[in-house]
Every structure is written in structure tokens, then in C-alpha cells.
Amino acid sequence: SGGGLVQPGGSLRLSCTPSGFPLHYYAVGWFRQ
């Protein structure tokens, strides 16, 4: 979550939350396409 439309030079903060399980014990990667 956290995506949106932003002008060049702007900022956004994305969040990754678990669905049915915790993330505490996992390394997590962000990817984009």
C-alpha cells in the first residue's frame, strides 16, 4: 500500500503488511515492474 501519483522530485512511502502471517522472521524484498 502507499502508492499513488506524485510529481517528479516528490516522495512516497510504501508499506508491506502481512496477510495471514507475520513478517518478523523473514527478509523482505521490494520489486517493481
Full PDB file with SEQRES, HELIX, SHEET, SSBOND, CRYST1, ORIGX, SCALE, CONECT and MASTER records, all heavy atoms in Angstrom:
SEQRES   1 A   33  SER GLY GLY GLY LEU VAL GLN PRO GLY GLY SER LEU ARG          
SEQRES   2 A   33  LEU SER CYS THR PRO SER GLY PHE PRO LEU HIS TYR TYR          
SEQRES   3 A   33  ALA VAL GLY TRP PHE ARG GLN                                  
CRYST1    1.000    1.000    1.000  90.00  90.00  90.00 P 1           1          
ORIGX1      1.000000  0.000000  0.000000        0.00000                         
ORIGX2      0.000000  1.000000  0.000000        0.00000                         
ORIGX3      0.000000  0.000000  1.000000        0.00000                         
SCALE1      1.000000  0.000000  0.000000        0.00000                         
SCALE2      0.000000  1.000000  0.000000        0.00000                         
SCALE3      0.000000  0.000000  1.000000        0.00000                         
ATOM      1  N   SER A   1       0.840  -1.182   0.000  1.00  0.00           N  
ATOM      2  CA  SER A   1       0.000   0.000   0.000  1.00  0.00           C  
ATOM      3  C   SER A   1       0.882   1.242   0.000  1.00  0.00           C  
ATOM      4  O   SER A   1       2.077   1.160   0.243  1.00  0.00           O  
ATOM      5  CB  SER A   1      -0.937   0.016   1.205  1.00  0.00           C  
ATOM      6  OG  SER A   1      -0.211   0.094   2.416  1.00  0.00           O  
ATOM      7  N   GLY A   2       0.286   2.385  -0.270  1.00  0.00           N  
ATOM      8  CA  GLY A   2       1.005   3.646  -0.211  1.00  0.00           C  
ATOM      9  C   GLY A   2       1.361   4.253  -1.550  1.00  0.00           C  
ATOM     10  O   GLY A   2       1.906   5.358  -1.601  1.00  0.00           O  
ATOM     11  N   GLY A   3       1.058   3.564  -2.625  1.00  0.00           N  
ATOM     12  CA  GLY A   3       1.356   4.099  -3.936  1.00  0.00           C  
ATOM     13  C   GLY A   3       0.424   5.235  -4.298  1.00  0.00           C  
ATOM     14  O   GLY A   3      -0.535   5.533  -3.593  1.00  0.00           O  
ATOM     15  N   GLY A   4       0.721   5.872  -5.403  1.00  0.00           N  
ATOM     16  CA  GLY A   4      -0.101   6.976  -5.852  1.00  0.00           C  
ATOM     17  C   GLY A   4       0.570   7.762  -6.947  1.00  0.00           C  
ATOM     18  O   GLY A   4       1.588   7.343  -7.505  1.00  0.00           O  
ATOM     19  N   LEU A   5      -0.007   8.905  -7.254  1.00  0.00           N  
ATOM     20  CA  LEU A   5       0.516   9.803  -8.273  1.00  0.00           C  
ATOM     21  C   LEU A   5       1.295  10.919  -7.597  1.00  0.00           C  
ATOM     22  O   LEU A   5       0.790  11.583  -6.692  1.00  0.00           O  
ATOM     23  CB  LEU A   5      -0.631  10.381  -9.105  1.00  0.00           C  
ATOM     24  CG  LEU A   5      -0.280  11.442 -10.147  1.00  0.00           C  
ATOM     25  CD1 LEU A   5       0.620  10.850 -11.223  1.00  0.00           C  
ATOM     26  CD2 LEU A   5      -1.554  12.012 -10.753  1.00  0.00           C  
ATOM     27  N   VAL A   6       2.521  11.134  -8.046  1.00  0.00           N  
ATOM     28  CA  VAL A   6       3.372  12.153  -7.455  1.00  0.00           C  
ATOM     29  C   VAL A   6       4.182  12.837  -8.545  1.00  0.00           C  
ATOM     30  O   VAL A   6       4.505  12.222  -9.570  1.00  0.00           O  
ATOM     31  CB  VAL A   6       4.302  11.537  -6.380  1.00  0.00           C  
ATOM     32  CG1 VAL A   6       5.265  10.544  -7.012  1.00  0.00           C  
ATOM     33  CG2 VAL A   6       5.051  12.609  -5.611  1.00  0.00           C  
ATOM     34  N   GLN A   7       4.498  14.103  -8.344  1.00  0.00           N  
ATOM     35  CA  GLN A   7       5.308  14.837  -9.301  1.00  0.00           C  
ATOM     36  C   GLN A   7       6.781  14.478  -9.153  1.00  0.00           C  
ATOM     37  O   GLN A   7       7.218  14.040  -8.088  1.00  0.00           O  
ATOM     38  CB  GLN A   7       5.128  16.347  -9.113  1.00  0.00           C  
ATOM     39  CG  GLN A   7       3.733  16.856  -9.442  1.00  0.00           C  
ATOM     40  CD  GLN A   7       3.633  18.367  -9.378  1.00  0.00           C  
ATOM     41  OE1 GLN A   7       4.458  19.026  -8.755  1.00  0.00           O  
ATOM     42  NE2 GLN A   7       2.621  18.912 -10.024  1.00  0.00           N  
ATOM     43  N   PRO A   8       7.559  14.635 -10.211  1.00  0.00           N  
ATOM     44  CA  PRO A   8       8.997  14.391 -10.095  1.00  0.00           C  
ATOM     45  C   PRO A   8       9.598  15.195  -8.948  1.00  0.00           C  
ATOM     46  O   PRO A   8       9.276  16.363  -8.756  1.00  0.00           O  
ATOM     47  CB  PRO A   8       9.543  14.852 -11.446  1.00  0.00           C  
ATOM     48  CG  PRO A   8       8.402  14.651 -12.389  1.00  0.00           C  
ATOM     49  CD  PRO A   8       7.171  14.995 -11.592  1.00  0.00           C  
ATOM     50  N   GLY A   9      10.466  14.550  -8.187  1.00  0.00           N  
ATOM     51  CA  GLY A   9      11.060  15.179  -7.026  1.00  0.00           C  
ATOM     52  C   GLY A   9      10.275  14.957  -5.751  1.00  0.00           C  
ATOM     53  O   GLY A   9      10.769  15.271  -4.659  1.00  0.00           O  
ATOM     54  N   GLY A  10       9.092  14.407  -5.870  1.00  0.00           N  
ATOM     55  CA  GLY A  10       8.257  14.159  -4.716  1.00  0.00           C  
ATOM     56  C   GLY A  10       8.623  12.883  -3.989  1.00  0.00           C  
ATOM     57  O   GLY A  10       9.581  12.194  -4.340  1.00  0.00           O  
ATOM     58  N   SER A  11       7.831  12.566  -2.976  1.00  0.00           N  
ATOM     59  CA  SER A  11       8.101  11.406  -2.130  1.00  0.00           C  
ATOM     60  C   SER A  11       6.852  10.573  -1.902  1.00  0.00           C  
ATOM     61  O   SER A  11       5.729  11.084  -1.937  1.00  0.00           O  
ATOM     62  CB  SER A  11       8.638  11.850  -0.764  1.00  0.00           C  
ATOM     63  OG  SER A  11       9.860  12.546  -0.876  1.00  0.00           O  
ATOM     64  N   LEU A  12       7.069   9.302  -1.673  1.00  0.00           N  
ATOM     65  CA  LEU A  12       6.022   8.373  -1.281  1.00  0.00           C  
ATOM     66  C   LEU A  12       6.609   7.387  -0.289  1.00  0.00           C  
ATOM     67  O   LEU A  12       7.809   7.113  -0.317  1.00  0.00           O  
ATOM     68  CB  LEU A  12       5.459   7.606  -2.478  1.00  0.00           C  
ATOM     69  CG  LEU A  12       4.540   8.335  -3.450  1.00  0.00           C  
ATOM     70  CD1 LEU A  12       4.263   7.441  -4.656  1.00  0.00           C  
ATOM     71  CD2 LEU A  12       3.241   8.732  -2.770  1.00  0.00           C  
ATOM     72  N   ARG A  13       5.767   6.861   0.565  1.00  0.00           N  
ATOM     73  CA  ARG A  13       6.181   5.829   1.497  1.00  0.00           C  
ATOM     74  C   ARG A  13       5.295   4.610   1.306  1.00  0.00           C  
ATOM     75  O   ARG A  13       4.088   4.669   1.544  1.00  0.00           O  
ATOM     76  CB  ARG A  13       6.076   6.315   2.945  1.00  0.00           C  
ATOM     77  CG  ARG A  13       6.725   5.367   3.961  1.00  0.00           C  
ATOM     78  CD  ARG A  13       6.332   5.737   5.371  1.00  0.00           C  
ATOM     79  NE  ARG A  13       7.178   5.103   6.375  1.00  0.00           N  
ATOM     80  CZ  ARG A  13       6.837   4.974   7.656  1.00  0.00           C  
ATOM     81  NH1 ARG A  13       5.678   5.456   8.089  1.00  0.00           N  
ATOM     82  NH2 ARG A  13       7.680   4.390   8.504  1.00  0.00           N  
ATOM     83  N   LEU A  14       5.893   3.534   0.869  1.00  0.00           N  
ATOM     84  CA  LEU A  14       5.167   2.300   0.661  1.00  0.00           C  
ATOM     85  C   LEU A  14       5.234   1.427   1.906  1.00  0.00           C  
ATOM     86  O   LEU A  14       6.225   1.434   2.633  1.00  0.00           O  
ATOM     87  CB  LEU A  14       5.739   1.525  -0.526  1.00  0.00           C  
ATOM     88  CG  LEU A  14       5.854   2.273  -1.860  1.00  0.00           C  
ATOM     89  CD1 LEU A  14       6.338   1.322  -2.946  1.00  0.00           C  
ATOM     90  CD2 LEU A  14       4.525   2.908  -2.248  1.00  0.00           C  
ATOM     91  N   SER A  15       4.174   0.671   2.123  1.00  0.00           N  
ATOM     92  CA  SER A  15       4.115  -0.247   3.249  1.00  0.00           C  
ATOM     93  C   SER A  15       3.854  -1.658   2.756  1.00  0.00           C  
ATOM     94  O   SER A  15       3.124  -1.867   1.785  1.00  0.00           O  
ATOM     95  CB  SER A  15       3.008   0.158   4.227  1.00  0.00           C  
ATOM     96  OG  SER A  15       3.260   1.424   4.791  1.00  0.00           O  
ATOM     97  N   CYS A  16       4.446  -2.605   3.435  1.00  0.00           N  
ATOM     98  CA  CYS A  16       4.252  -4.018   3.150  1.00  0.00           C  
ATOM     99  C   CYS A  16       3.763  -4.664   4.429  1.00  0.00           C  
ATOM    100  O   CYS A  16       4.483  -4.701   5.433  1.00  0.00           O  
ATOM    101  CB  CYS A  16       5.567  -4.641   2.681  1.00  0.00           C  
ATOM    102  SG  CYS A  16       5.505  -6.423   2.374  1.00  0.00           S  
ATOM    103  N   THR A  17       2.540  -5.151   4.409  1.00  0.00           N  
ATOM    104  CA  THR A  17       1.948  -5.742   5.601  1.00  0.00           C  
ATOM    105  C   THR A  17       1.568  -7.190   5.341  1.00  0.00           C  
ATOM    106  O   THR A  17       1.208  -7.553   4.218  1.00  0.00           O  
ATOM    107  CB  THR A  17       0.708  -4.960   6.053  1.00  0.00           C  
ATOM    108  OG1 THR A  17      -0.247  -4.909   4.985  1.00  0.00           O  
ATOM    109  CG2 THR A  17       1.081  -3.548   6.451  1.00  0.00           C  
ATOM    110  N   PRO A  18       1.640  -8.020   6.356  1.00  0.00           N  
ATOM    111  CA  PRO A  18       1.326  -9.428   6.156  1.00  0.00           C  
ATOM    112  C   PRO A  18      -0.169  -9.676   5.991  1.00  0.00           C  
ATOM    113  O   PRO A  18      -0.999  -8.948   6.542  1.00  0.00           O  
ATOM    114  CB  PRO A  18       1.844 -10.088   7.430  1.00  0.00           C  
ATOM    115  CG  PRO A  18       1.724  -9.013   8.464  1.00  0.00           C  
ATOM    116  CD  PRO A  18       2.060  -7.733   7.736  1.00  0.00           C  
ATOM    117  N   SER A  19      -0.489 -10.685   5.234  1.00  0.00           N  
ATOM    118  CA  SER A  19      -1.858 -11.138   5.083  1.00  0.00           C  
ATOM    119  C   SER A  19      -1.926 -12.565   5.582  1.00  0.00           C  
ATOM    120  O   SER A  19      -1.641 -13.503   4.837  1.00  0.00           O  
ATOM    121  CB  SER A  19      -2.315 -11.048   3.625  1.00  0.00           C  
ATOM    122  OG  SER A  19      -3.642 -11.520   3.473  1.00  0.00           O  
ATOM    123  N   GLY A  20      -2.257 -12.714   6.853  1.00  0.00           N  
ATOM    124  CA  GLY A  20      -2.394 -14.032   7.435  1.00  0.00           C  
ATOM    125  C   GLY A  20      -1.144 -14.602   8.087  1.00  0.00           C  
ATOM    126  O   GLY A  20      -1.197 -15.692   8.651  1.00  0.00           O  
ATOM    127  N   PHE A  21      -0.037 -13.880   8.022  1.00  0.00           N  
ATOM    128  CA  PHE A  21       1.193 -14.335   8.650  1.00  0.00           C  
ATOM    129  C   PHE A  21       2.088 -13.142   8.963  1.00  0.00           C  
ATOM    130  O   PHE A  21       2.017 -12.113   8.287  1.00  0.00           O  
ATOM    131  CB  PHE A  21       1.930 -15.342   7.754  1.00  0.00           C  
ATOM    132  CG  PHE A  21       2.439 -14.766   6.465  1.00  0.00           C  
ATOM    133  CD1 PHE A  21       3.753 -14.342   6.359  1.00  0.00           C  
ATOM    134  CD2 PHE A  21       1.612 -14.656   5.363  1.00  0.00           C  
ATOM    135  CE1 PHE A  21       4.228 -13.807   5.177  1.00  0.00           C  
ATOM    136  CE2 PHE A  21       2.072 -14.118   4.176  1.00  0.00           C  
ATOM    137  CZ  PHE A  21       3.386 -13.694   4.086  1.00  0.00           C  
ATOM    138  N   PRO A  22       2.962 -13.260   9.958  1.00  0.00           N  
ATOM    139  CA  PRO A  22       3.855 -12.153  10.305  1.00  0.00           C  
ATOM    140  C   PRO A  22       5.087 -12.122   9.425  1.00  0.00           C  
ATOM    141  O   PRO A  22       5.490 -13.134   8.842  1.00  0.00           O  
ATOM    142  CB  PRO A  22       4.222 -12.449  11.761  1.00  0.00           C  
ATOM    143  CG  PRO A  22       4.187 -13.946  11.841  1.00  0.00           C  
ATOM    144  CD  PRO A  22       3.051 -14.364  10.937  1.00  0.00           C  
ATOM    145  N   LEU A  23       5.717 -10.944   9.341  1.00  0.00           N  
ATOM    146  CA  LEU A  23       6.931 -10.773   8.552  1.00  0.00           C  
ATOM    147  C   LEU A  23       8.187 -10.753   9.408  1.00  0.00           C  
ATOM    148  O   LEU A  23       9.285 -10.617   8.886  1.00  0.00           O  
ATOM    149  CB  LEU A  23       6.856  -9.466   7.748  1.00  0.00           C  
ATOM    150  CG  LEU A  23       5.748  -9.348   6.702  1.00  0.00           C  
ATOM    151  CD1 LEU A  23       5.781  -7.956   6.072  1.00  0.00           C  
ATOM    152  CD2 LEU A  23       5.893 -10.415   5.640  1.00  0.00           C  
ATOM    153  N   HIS A  24       8.035 -10.891  10.711  1.00  0.00           N  
ATOM    154  CA  HIS A  24       9.138 -10.721  11.650  1.00  0.00           C  
ATOM    155  C   HIS A  24      10.358 -11.583  11.349  1.00  0.00           C  
ATOM    156  O   HIS A  24      11.489 -11.154  11.559  1.00  0.00           O  
ATOM    157  CB  HIS A  24       8.669 -11.013  13.075  1.00  0.00           C  
ATOM    158  CG  HIS A  24       7.581 -10.116  13.558  1.00  0.00           C  
ATOM    159  ND1 HIS A  24       7.811  -8.799  13.866  1.00  0.00           N  
ATOM    160  CD2 HIS A  24       6.274 -10.347  13.787  1.00  0.00           C  
ATOM    161  CE1 HIS A  24       6.675  -8.250  14.272  1.00  0.00           C  
ATOM    162  NE2 HIS A  24       5.736  -9.172  14.238  1.00  0.00           N  
ATOM    163  N   TYR A  25      10.140 -12.795  10.886  1.00  0.00           N  
ATOM    164  CA  TYR A  25      11.242 -13.737  10.714  1.00  0.00           C  
ATOM    165  C   TYR A  25      11.690 -13.899   9.269  1.00  0.00           C  
ATOM    166  O   TYR A  25      12.393 -14.853   8.947  1.00  0.00           O  
ATOM    167  CB  TYR A  25      10.855 -15.095  11.297  1.00  0.00           C  
ATOM    168  CG  TYR A  25      10.551 -15.037  12.769  1.00  0.00           C  
ATOM    169  CD1 TYR A  25       9.240 -15.002  13.229  1.00  0.00           C  
ATOM    170  CD2 TYR A  25      11.582 -14.987  13.700  1.00  0.00           C  
ATOM    171  CE1 TYR A  25       8.958 -14.929  14.590  1.00  0.00           C  
ATOM    172  CE2 TYR A  25      11.311 -14.918  15.058  1.00  0.00           C  
ATOM    173  CZ  TYR A  25       9.994 -14.889  15.495  1.00  0.00           C  
ATOM    174  OH  TYR A  25       9.730 -14.820  16.846  1.00  0.00           O  
ATOM    175  N   TYR A  26      11.333 -12.961   8.437  1.00  0.00           N  
ATOM    176  CA  TYR A  26      11.662 -13.055   7.018  1.00  0.00           C  
ATOM    177  C   TYR A  26      12.400 -11.831   6.519  1.00  0.00           C  
ATOM    178  O   TYR A  26      12.105 -10.701   6.908  1.00  0.00           O  
ATOM    179  CB  TYR A  26      10.388 -13.233   6.184  1.00  0.00           C  
ATOM    180  CG  TYR A  26       9.559 -14.427   6.573  1.00  0.00           C  
ATOM    181  CD1 TYR A  26       8.439 -14.275   7.377  1.00  0.00           C  
ATOM    182  CD2 TYR A  26       9.894 -15.697   6.129  1.00  0.00           C  
ATOM    183  CE1 TYR A  26       7.671 -15.369   7.739  1.00  0.00           C  
ATOM    184  CE2 TYR A  26       9.137 -16.797   6.488  1.00  0.00           C  
ATOM    185  CZ  TYR A  26       8.024 -16.628   7.290  1.00  0.00           C  
ATOM    186  OH  TYR A  26       7.267 -17.711   7.643  1.00  0.00           O  
ATOM    187  N   ALA A  27      13.362 -12.086   5.647  1.00  0.00           N  
ATOM    188  CA  ALA A  27      13.906 -10.994   4.858  1.00  0.00           C  
ATOM    189  C   ALA A  27      12.869 -10.643   3.795  1.00  0.00           C  
ATOM    190  O   ALA A  27      12.194 -11.528   3.271  1.00  0.00           O  
ATOM    191  CB  ALA A  27      15.227 -11.405   4.199  1.00  0.00           C  
ATOM    192  N   VAL A  28      12.738  -9.364   3.515  1.00  0.00           N  
ATOM    193  CA  VAL A  28      11.718  -8.901   2.581  1.00  0.00           C  
ATOM    194  C   VAL A  28      12.342  -8.057   1.489  1.00  0.00           C  
ATOM    195  O   VAL A  28      13.187  -7.200   1.759  1.00  0.00           O  
ATOM    196  CB  VAL A  28      10.635  -8.083   3.311  1.00  0.00           C  
ATOM    197  CG1 VAL A  28       9.646  -7.481   2.319  1.00  0.00           C  
ATOM    198  CG2 VAL A  28       9.907  -8.957   4.320  1.00  0.00           C  
ATOM    199  N   GLY A  29      11.923  -8.309   0.277  1.00  0.00           N  
ATOM    200  CA  GLY A  29      12.400  -7.530  -0.854  1.00  0.00           C  
ATOM    201  C   GLY A  29      11.288  -6.708  -1.477  1.00  0.00           C  
ATOM    202  O   GLY A  29      10.123  -7.124  -1.486  1.00  0.00           O  
ATOM    203  N   TRP A  30      11.649  -5.535  -1.961  1.00  0.00           N  
ATOM    204  CA  TRP A  30      10.758  -4.719  -2.775  1.00  0.00           C  
ATOM    205  C   TRP A  30      11.169  -4.872  -4.237  1.00  0.00           C  
ATOM    206  O   TRP A  30      12.357  -4.797  -4.563  1.00  0.00           O  
ATOM    207  CB  TRP A  30      10.818  -3.249  -2.377  1.00  0.00           C  
ATOM    208  CG  TRP A  30      10.016  -2.910  -1.163  1.00  0.00           C  
ATOM    209  CD1 TRP A  30      10.466  -2.774   0.117  1.00  0.00           C  
ATOM    210  CD2 TRP A  30       8.606  -2.650  -1.116  1.00  0.00           C  
ATOM    211  NE1 TRP A  30       9.431  -2.449   0.961  1.00  0.00           N  
ATOM    212  CE2 TRP A  30       8.281  -2.364   0.241  1.00  0.00           C  
ATOM    213  CE3 TRP A  30       7.589  -2.628  -2.075  1.00  0.00           C  
ATOM    214  CZ2 TRP A  30       6.976  -2.064   0.644  1.00  0.00           C  
ATOM    215  CZ3 TRP A  30       6.297  -2.330  -1.661  1.00  0.00           C  
ATOM    216  CH2 TRP A  30       6.005  -2.056  -0.325  1.00  0.00           C  
ATOM    217  N   PHE A  31      10.189  -5.054  -5.085  1.00  0.00           N  
ATOM    218  CA  PHE A  31      10.399  -5.220  -6.512  1.00  0.00           C  
ATOM    219  C   PHE A  31       9.480  -4.270  -7.254  1.00  0.00           C  
ATOM    220  O   PHE A  31       8.506  -3.776  -6.692  1.00  0.00           O  
ATOM    221  CB  PHE A  31      10.111  -6.657  -6.943  1.00  0.00           C  
ATOM    222  CG  PHE A  31      10.897  -7.699  -6.189  1.00  0.00           C  
ATOM    223  CD1 PHE A  31      10.496  -8.118  -4.927  1.00  0.00           C  
ATOM    224  CD2 PHE A  31      12.038  -8.256  -6.738  1.00  0.00           C  
ATOM    225  CE1 PHE A  31      11.216  -9.078  -4.226  1.00  0.00           C  
ATOM    226  CE2 PHE A  31      12.765  -9.217  -6.053  1.00  0.00           C  
ATOM    227  CZ  PHE A  31      12.351  -9.620  -4.794  1.00  0.00           C  
ATOM    228  N   ARG A  32       9.772  -4.022  -8.506  1.00  0.00           N  
ATOM    229  CA  ARG A  32       8.887  -3.187  -9.298  1.00  0.00           C  
ATOM    230  C   ARG A  32       8.858  -3.667 -10.742  1.00  0.00           C  
ATOM    231  O   ARG A  32       9.810  -4.262 -11.237  1.00  0.00           O  
ATOM    232  CB  ARG A  32       9.303  -1.712  -9.239  1.00  0.00           C  
ATOM    233  CG  ARG A  32      10.650  -1.398  -9.874  1.00  0.00           C  
ATOM    234  CD  ARG A  32      11.021   0.057  -9.615  1.00  0.00           C  
ATOM    235  NE  ARG A  32      12.303   0.414 -10.200  1.00  0.00           N  
ATOM    236  CZ  ARG A  32      12.914   1.575 -10.015  1.00  0.00           C  
ATOM    237  NH1 ARG A  32      12.349   2.507  -9.256  1.00  0.00           N  
ATOM    238  NH2 ARG A  32      14.083   1.814 -10.591  1.00  0.00           N  
ATOM    239  N   GLN A  33       7.746  -3.397 -11.389  1.00  0.00           N  
ATOM    240  CA  GLN A  33       7.594  -3.761 -12.789  1.00  0.00           C  
ATOM    241  C   GLN A  33       6.916  -2.614 -13.532  1.00  0.00           C  
ATOM    242  O   GLN A  33       5.777  -2.266 -13.238  1.00  0.00           O  
ATOM    243  CB  GLN A  33       6.783  -5.044 -12.943  1.00  0.00           C  
ATOM    244  CG  GLN A  33       6.714  -5.549 -14.374  1.00  0.00           C  
ATOM    245  CD  GLN A  33       6.149  -6.953 -14.472  1.00  0.00           C  
ATOM    246  OE1 GLN A  33       5.441  -7.417 -13.582  1.00  0.00           O  
ATOM    247  NE2 GLN A  33       6.472  -7.644 -15.547  1.00  0.00           N  
TER     248      GLN A  33                                                      
MASTER        0    0    0    0    0    0    0    6  247    1    0    3          
END                                                                             
